[in-house]
C-alpha atoms as a PDB file:
ATOM      1  CA  MET A   1      61.109 -21.999 -22.758  1.00  0.00           C
ATOM      2  CA  LYS A   2      57.792 -20.441 -23.146  1.00  0.00           C
ATOM      3  CA  LYS A   3      55.807 -23.799 -22.624  1.00  0.00           C
ATOM      4  CA  LEU A   4      58.020 -24.490 -19.630  1.00  0.00           C
ATOM      5  CA  LEU A   5      57.183 -20.800 -18.276  1.00  0.00           C
ATOM      6  CA  LEU A   6      53.405 -21.351 -19.035  1.00  0.00           C
ATOM      7  CA  LEU A   7      53.468 -24.969 -17.578  1.00  0.00           C
ATOM      8  CA  LEU A   8      55.244 -23.495 -14.193  1.00  0.00           C
ATOM      9  CA  CYS A   9      52.467 -20.831 -14.003  1.00  0.00           C
ATOM     10  CA  LEU A  10      49.869 -23.228 -14.205  1.00  0.00           C
ATOM     11  CA  PHE A  11      51.170 -25.691 -11.365  1.00  0.00           C
ATOM     12  CA  VAL A  12      51.947 -22.555  -9.319  1.00  0.00           C
ATOM     13  CA  GLY A  13      48.116 -21.491  -9.775  1.00  0.00           C
ATOM     14  CA  ALA A  14      46.715 -24.904  -9.091  1.00  0.00           C
ATOM     15  CA  ALA A  15      48.831 -24.884  -5.998  1.00  0.00           C
ATOM     16  CA  CYS A  16      47.357 -21.378  -4.650  1.00  0.00           C
ATOM     17  CA  PHE A  17      44.110 -22.627  -3.951  1.00  0.00           C
ATOM     18  CA  ALA A  18      44.000 -23.081  -0.242  1.00  0.00           C
ATOM     19  CA  GLN A  19      40.540 -24.033   0.391  1.00  0.00           C
ATOM     20  CA  ASP A  20      39.925 -27.639   0.999  1.00  0.00           C
ATOM     21  CA  THR A  21      36.451 -29.205   0.563  1.00  0.00           C
ATOM     22  CA  ILE A  22      36.864 -31.587   3.593  1.00  0.00           C
ATOM     23  CA  ALA A  23      34.437 -30.825   6.195  1.00  0.00           C
ATOM     24  CA  TYR A  24      35.563 -29.622   9.605  1.00  0.00           C
ATOM     25  CA  ASP A  25      35.251 -32.293  12.272  1.00  0.00           C
ATOM     26  CA  GLY A  26      36.988 -30.002  14.920  1.00  0.00           C
ATOM     27  CA  PRO A  27      35.004 -28.613  18.257  1.00  0.00           C
ATOM     28  CA  ALA A  28      31.676 -27.031  17.729  1.00  0.00           C
ATOM     29  CA  VAL A  29      31.538 -23.306  18.179  1.00  0.00           C
ATOM     30  CA  ILE A  30      29.552 -22.201  21.287  1.00  0.00           C
ATOM     31  CA  VAL A  31      27.904 -18.703  21.210  1.00  0.00           C
ATOM     32  CA  HIS A  32      27.442 -17.037  24.514  1.00  0.00           C
ATOM     33  CA  LYS A  33      24.752 -14.179  24.003  1.00  0.00           C
ATOM     34  CA  ASP A  34      23.721 -11.791  26.665  1.00  0.00           C
ATOM     35  CA  PRO A  35      20.034 -12.715  27.764  1.00  0.00           C
ATOM     36  CA  ARG A  36      19.072  -8.988  27.822  1.00  0.00           C
ATOM     37  CA  LEU A  37      19.186  -9.172  23.896  1.00  0.00           C
ATOM     38  CA  ASP A  38      15.921 -11.353  24.114  1.00  0.00           C
ATOM     39  CA  LEU A  39      14.475  -8.777  26.049  1.00  0.00           C
ATOM     40  CA  LEU A  40      15.496  -6.011  23.607  1.00  0.00           C
ATOM     41  CA  VAL A  41      13.922  -7.865  20.622  1.00  0.00           C
ATOM     42  CA  LYS A  42      10.726  -7.996  22.561  1.00  0.00           C
ATOM     43  CA  LYS A  43      10.640  -4.503  23.479  1.00  0.00           C
ATOM     44  CA  GLN A  44      11.526  -3.332  19.932  1.00  0.00           C
ATOM     45  CA  ALA A  45       8.652  -5.556  18.628  1.00  0.00           C
ATOM     46  CA  TYR A  46       6.164  -3.910  20.996  1.00  0.00           C
ATOM     47  CA  ILE A  47       7.263  -0.577  19.877  1.00  0.00           C
ATOM     48  CA  ASN A  48       6.903  -1.241  16.200  1.00  0.00           C
ATOM     49  CA  ILE A  49       3.306  -2.747  16.941  1.00  0.00           C
ATOM     50  CA  THR A  50       2.486   0.314  19.036  1.00  0.00           C
ATOM     51  CA  ALA A  51       3.755   2.707  16.248  1.00  0.00           C
ATOM     52  CA  LYS A  52       1.711   1.146  13.400  1.00  0.00           C
ATOM     53  CA  LYS A  53      -1.369   1.203  15.510  1.00  0.00           C
ATOM     54  CA  ALA A  54      -0.762   5.061  16.377  1.00  0.00           C
ATOM     55  CA  SER A  55       0.208   5.875  12.679  1.00  0.00           C
ATOM     56  CA  GLY A  56      -3.588   4.562  11.567  1.00  0.00           C
ATOM     57  CA  HIS A  57      -4.373   1.826   9.165  1.00  0.00           C
ATOM     58  CA  THR A  58      -4.473   2.177   5.377  1.00  0.00           C
ATOM     59  CA  MET A  59      -6.899   0.471   2.765  1.00  0.00           C
ATOM     60  CA  ARG A  60      -7.779   0.827  -0.794  1.00  0.00           C
ATOM     61  CA  GLY A  61      -9.823   3.881  -1.475  1.00  0.00           C
ATOM     62  CA  TYR A  62     -10.014   7.085  -3.693  1.00  0.00           C
ATOM     63  CA  ARG A  63      -8.538  10.470  -3.582  1.00  0.00           C
ATOM     64  CA  LEU A  64      -8.952  13.602  -5.575  1.00  0.00           C
ATOM     65  CA  LEU A  65      -6.217  14.589  -7.903  1.00  0.00           C
ATOM     66  CA  VAL A  66      -6.256  18.305  -7.651  1.00  0.00           C
ATOM     67  CA  ILE A  67      -3.384  19.505  -9.493  1.00  0.00           C
ATOM     68  CA  ASN A  68      -0.312  18.099 -11.580  1.00  0.00           C
ATOM     69  CA  THR A  69       2.233  20.964 -12.398  1.00  0.00           C
ATOM     70  CA  ASN A  70       5.714  21.575 -12.557  1.00  0.00           C
ATOM     71  CA  SER A  71       5.459  24.741 -10.434  1.00  0.00           C
ATOM     72  CA  ARG A  72       6.054  24.274  -6.815  1.00  0.00           C
ATOM     73  CA  ASP A  73       4.513  27.579  -5.958  1.00  0.00           C
ATOM     74  CA  GLU A  74       1.130  26.748  -7.945  1.00  0.00           C
ATOM     75  CA  ALA A  75       0.959  23.491  -5.916  1.00  0.00           C
ATOM     76  CA  ILE A  76       1.353  25.088  -2.602  1.00  0.00           C
ATOM     77  CA  ALA A  77      -1.082  27.757  -3.536  1.00  0.00           C
ATOM     78  CA  ALA A  78      -3.510  25.062  -4.384  1.00  0.00           C
ATOM     79  CA  LYS A  79      -2.999  23.299  -1.393  1.00  0.00           C
ATOM     80  CA  THR A  80      -3.662  26.584   0.588  1.00  0.00           C
ATOM     81  CA  LYS A  81      -6.783  26.857  -1.238  1.00  0.00           C
ATOM     82  CA  ILE A  82      -7.814  23.162  -0.202  1.00  0.00           C
ATOM     83  CA  TYR A  83      -7.204  23.958   3.443  1.00  0.00           C
ATOM     84  CA  THR A  84      -9.025  27.340   3.118  1.00  0.00           C
ATOM     85  CA  HIS A  85     -12.425  26.033   1.727  1.00  0.00           C
ATOM     86  CA  PHE A  86     -12.182  22.364   3.083  1.00  0.00           C
ATOM     87  CA  PRO A  87     -10.601  22.231   6.369  1.00  0.00           C
ATOM     88  CA  ASP A  88     -11.684  18.957   7.069  1.00  0.00           C
ATOM     89  CA  GLN A  89      -9.846  17.235   4.310  1.00  0.00           C
ATOM     90  CA  LYS A  90      -6.141  16.172   4.029  1.00  0.00           C
ATOM     91  CA  ALA A  91      -4.087  17.454   1.450  1.00  0.00           C
ATOM     92  CA  TYR A  92      -0.986  15.292   0.070  1.00  0.00           C
ATOM     93  CA  LEU A  93       1.617  17.068  -1.922  1.00  0.00           C
ATOM     94  CA  THR A  94       4.034  14.770  -3.482  1.00  0.00           C
ATOM     95  CA  TYR A  95       6.861  15.138  -6.200  1.00  0.00           C
ATOM     96  CA  GLN A  96       7.503  12.925  -8.801  1.00  0.00           C
ATOM     97  CA  SER A  97      10.098  14.436 -11.041  1.00  0.00           C
ATOM     98  CA  PRO A  98       9.541  16.762 -12.836  1.00  0.00           C
ATOM     99  CA  PHE A  99       5.779  17.203 -11.405  1.00  0.00           C
ATOM    100  CA  PHE A 100       4.136  18.063  -8.331  1.00  0.00           C
ATOM    101  CA  LYS A 101       0.964  16.296  -7.537  1.00  0.00           C
ATOM    102  CA  LEU A 102      -1.625  17.555  -5.235  1.00  0.00           C
ATOM    103  CA  LYS A 103      -4.083  14.941  -3.912  1.00  0.00           C
ATOM    104  CA  ALA A 104      -6.822  15.369  -1.434  1.00  0.00           C
ATOM    105  CA  GLY A 105      -9.090  13.393   1.000  1.00  0.00           C
ATOM    106  CA  ASN A 106      -9.534   9.814   2.054  1.00  0.00           C
ATOM    107  CA  TYR A 107     -12.560   8.633   0.771  1.00  0.00           C
ATOM    108  CA  GLN A 108     -13.750   5.010   0.937  1.00  0.00           C
ATOM    109  CA  THR A 109     -16.297   5.024  -1.666  1.00  0.00           C
ATOM    110  CA  ARG A 110     -16.318   6.370  -4.972  1.00  0.00           C
ATOM    111  CA  ASP A 111     -19.731   8.195  -4.347  1.00  0.00           C
ATOM    112  CA  GLU A 112     -18.277  10.233  -1.380  1.00  0.00           C
ATOM    113  CA  ALA A 113     -14.994  11.089  -3.566  1.00  0.00           C
ATOM    114  CA  LYS A 114     -17.603  12.276  -6.412  1.00  0.00           C
ATOM    115  CA  ARG A 115     -19.507  14.732  -3.994  1.00  0.00           C
ATOM    116  CA  TYR A 116     -16.221  16.230  -3.054  1.00  0.00           C
ATOM    117  CA  GLN A 117     -15.172  16.487  -6.681  1.00  0.00           C
ATOM    118  CA  GLU A 118     -18.094  18.317  -7.802  1.00  0.00           C
ATOM    119  CA  LEU A 119     -17.550  21.046  -5.069  1.00  0.00           C
ATOM    120  CA  MET A 120     -13.733  21.347  -5.779  1.00  0.00           C
ATOM    121  CA  ASN A 121     -14.422  21.665  -9.557  1.00  0.00           C
ATOM    122  CA  THR A 122     -16.170  25.196  -8.716  1.00  0.00           C
ATOM    123  CA  ILE A 123     -12.592  26.141  -7.029  1.00  0.00           C
ATOM    124  CA  PHE A 124     -10.402  24.448  -9.325  1.00  0.00           C
ATOM    125  CA  PRO A 125     -11.625  24.950 -12.981  1.00  0.00           C
ATOM    126  CA  LYS A 126      -8.865  23.087 -14.769  1.00  0.00           C
ATOM    127  CA  GLY A 127     -10.766  19.873 -13.211  1.00  0.00           C
ATOM    128  CA  VAL A 128     -10.255  17.600 -10.450  1.00  0.00           C
ATOM    129  CA  PHE A 129      -9.924  14.157 -10.952  1.00  0.00           C
ATOM    130  CA  ILE A 130     -11.037  10.737  -8.881  1.00  0.00           C
ATOM    131  CA  ILE A 131      -8.027   8.272  -8.815  1.00  0.00           C
ATOM    132  CA  SER A 132      -7.761   5.029  -6.944  1.00  0.00           C
ATOM    133  CA  ASP A 133      -5.035   5.375  -4.162  1.00  0.00           C
ATOM    134  CA  THR A 134      -4.052   3.846  -0.688  1.00  0.00           C
ATOM    135  CA  ILE A 135      -5.975   5.987   1.961  1.00  0.00           C
ATOM    136  CA  GLU A 136      -5.849   6.455   5.577  1.00  0.00           C
ATOM    137  CA  VAL A 137      -8.504   5.105   7.807  1.00  0.00           C
ATOM    138  CA  LYS A 138      -8.783   5.832  11.465  1.00  0.00           C
ATOM    139  CA  PRO A 139     -10.298   3.070  13.284  1.00  0.00           C
ATOM    140  CA  GLU A 140     -13.850   3.598  14.650  1.00  0.00           C
ATOM    141  CA  LYS A 141     -13.072   2.103  17.773  1.00  0.00           C
ATOM    142  CA  GLU A 142     -10.317   4.408  18.571  1.00  0.00           C
ATOM    143  CA  ALA A 143     -11.947   7.454  17.282  1.00  0.00           C
ATOM    144  CA  GLU A 144     -14.933   6.828  19.734  1.00  0.00           C
ATOM    145  CA  GLU A 145     -12.335   6.553  22.739  1.00  0.00           C
ATOM    146  CA  SER A 146     -10.386   9.556  21.610  1.00  0.00           C
ATOM    147  CA  PRO A 147     -11.301  12.668  24.121  1.00  0.00           C
ATOM    148  CA  LEU A 148     -10.771  14.972  21.124  1.00  0.00           C
ATOM    149  CA  VAL A 149     -13.900  13.728  19.540  1.00  0.00           C
ATOM    150  CA  PRO A 150     -17.291  14.925  21.012  1.00  0.00           C
END
């Protein structure tokens, strides 16, 4: 009786596979799309290119690692010091659990980073380190055309 029940389950199980491997030769599927979709795609591509140009360009360069701490207040205080003593430098505060890392500057050459490292070592006695990082670079052509630059 058990063998008969097992044999019956196998045949029923094989019959349950309803998928055929035969190719479908029926009528082709026709998709009707709105022609405005192409215009929307082109417009979105233009917006993406414009936003990328406006945000600036990036390249490999150097930044100064000012502080690496697990105290948020200490990191914010260090960022305030950078903006106070070096208003022309940009500071980047990131959180990588459990540490807050404060990086400063966008330097294309190591020598330029070295000059600022010596200046910042007087303010941050624990030490400032030069690290390789992706930096923001404003194209010179756009900088010359900008009304804010004298």
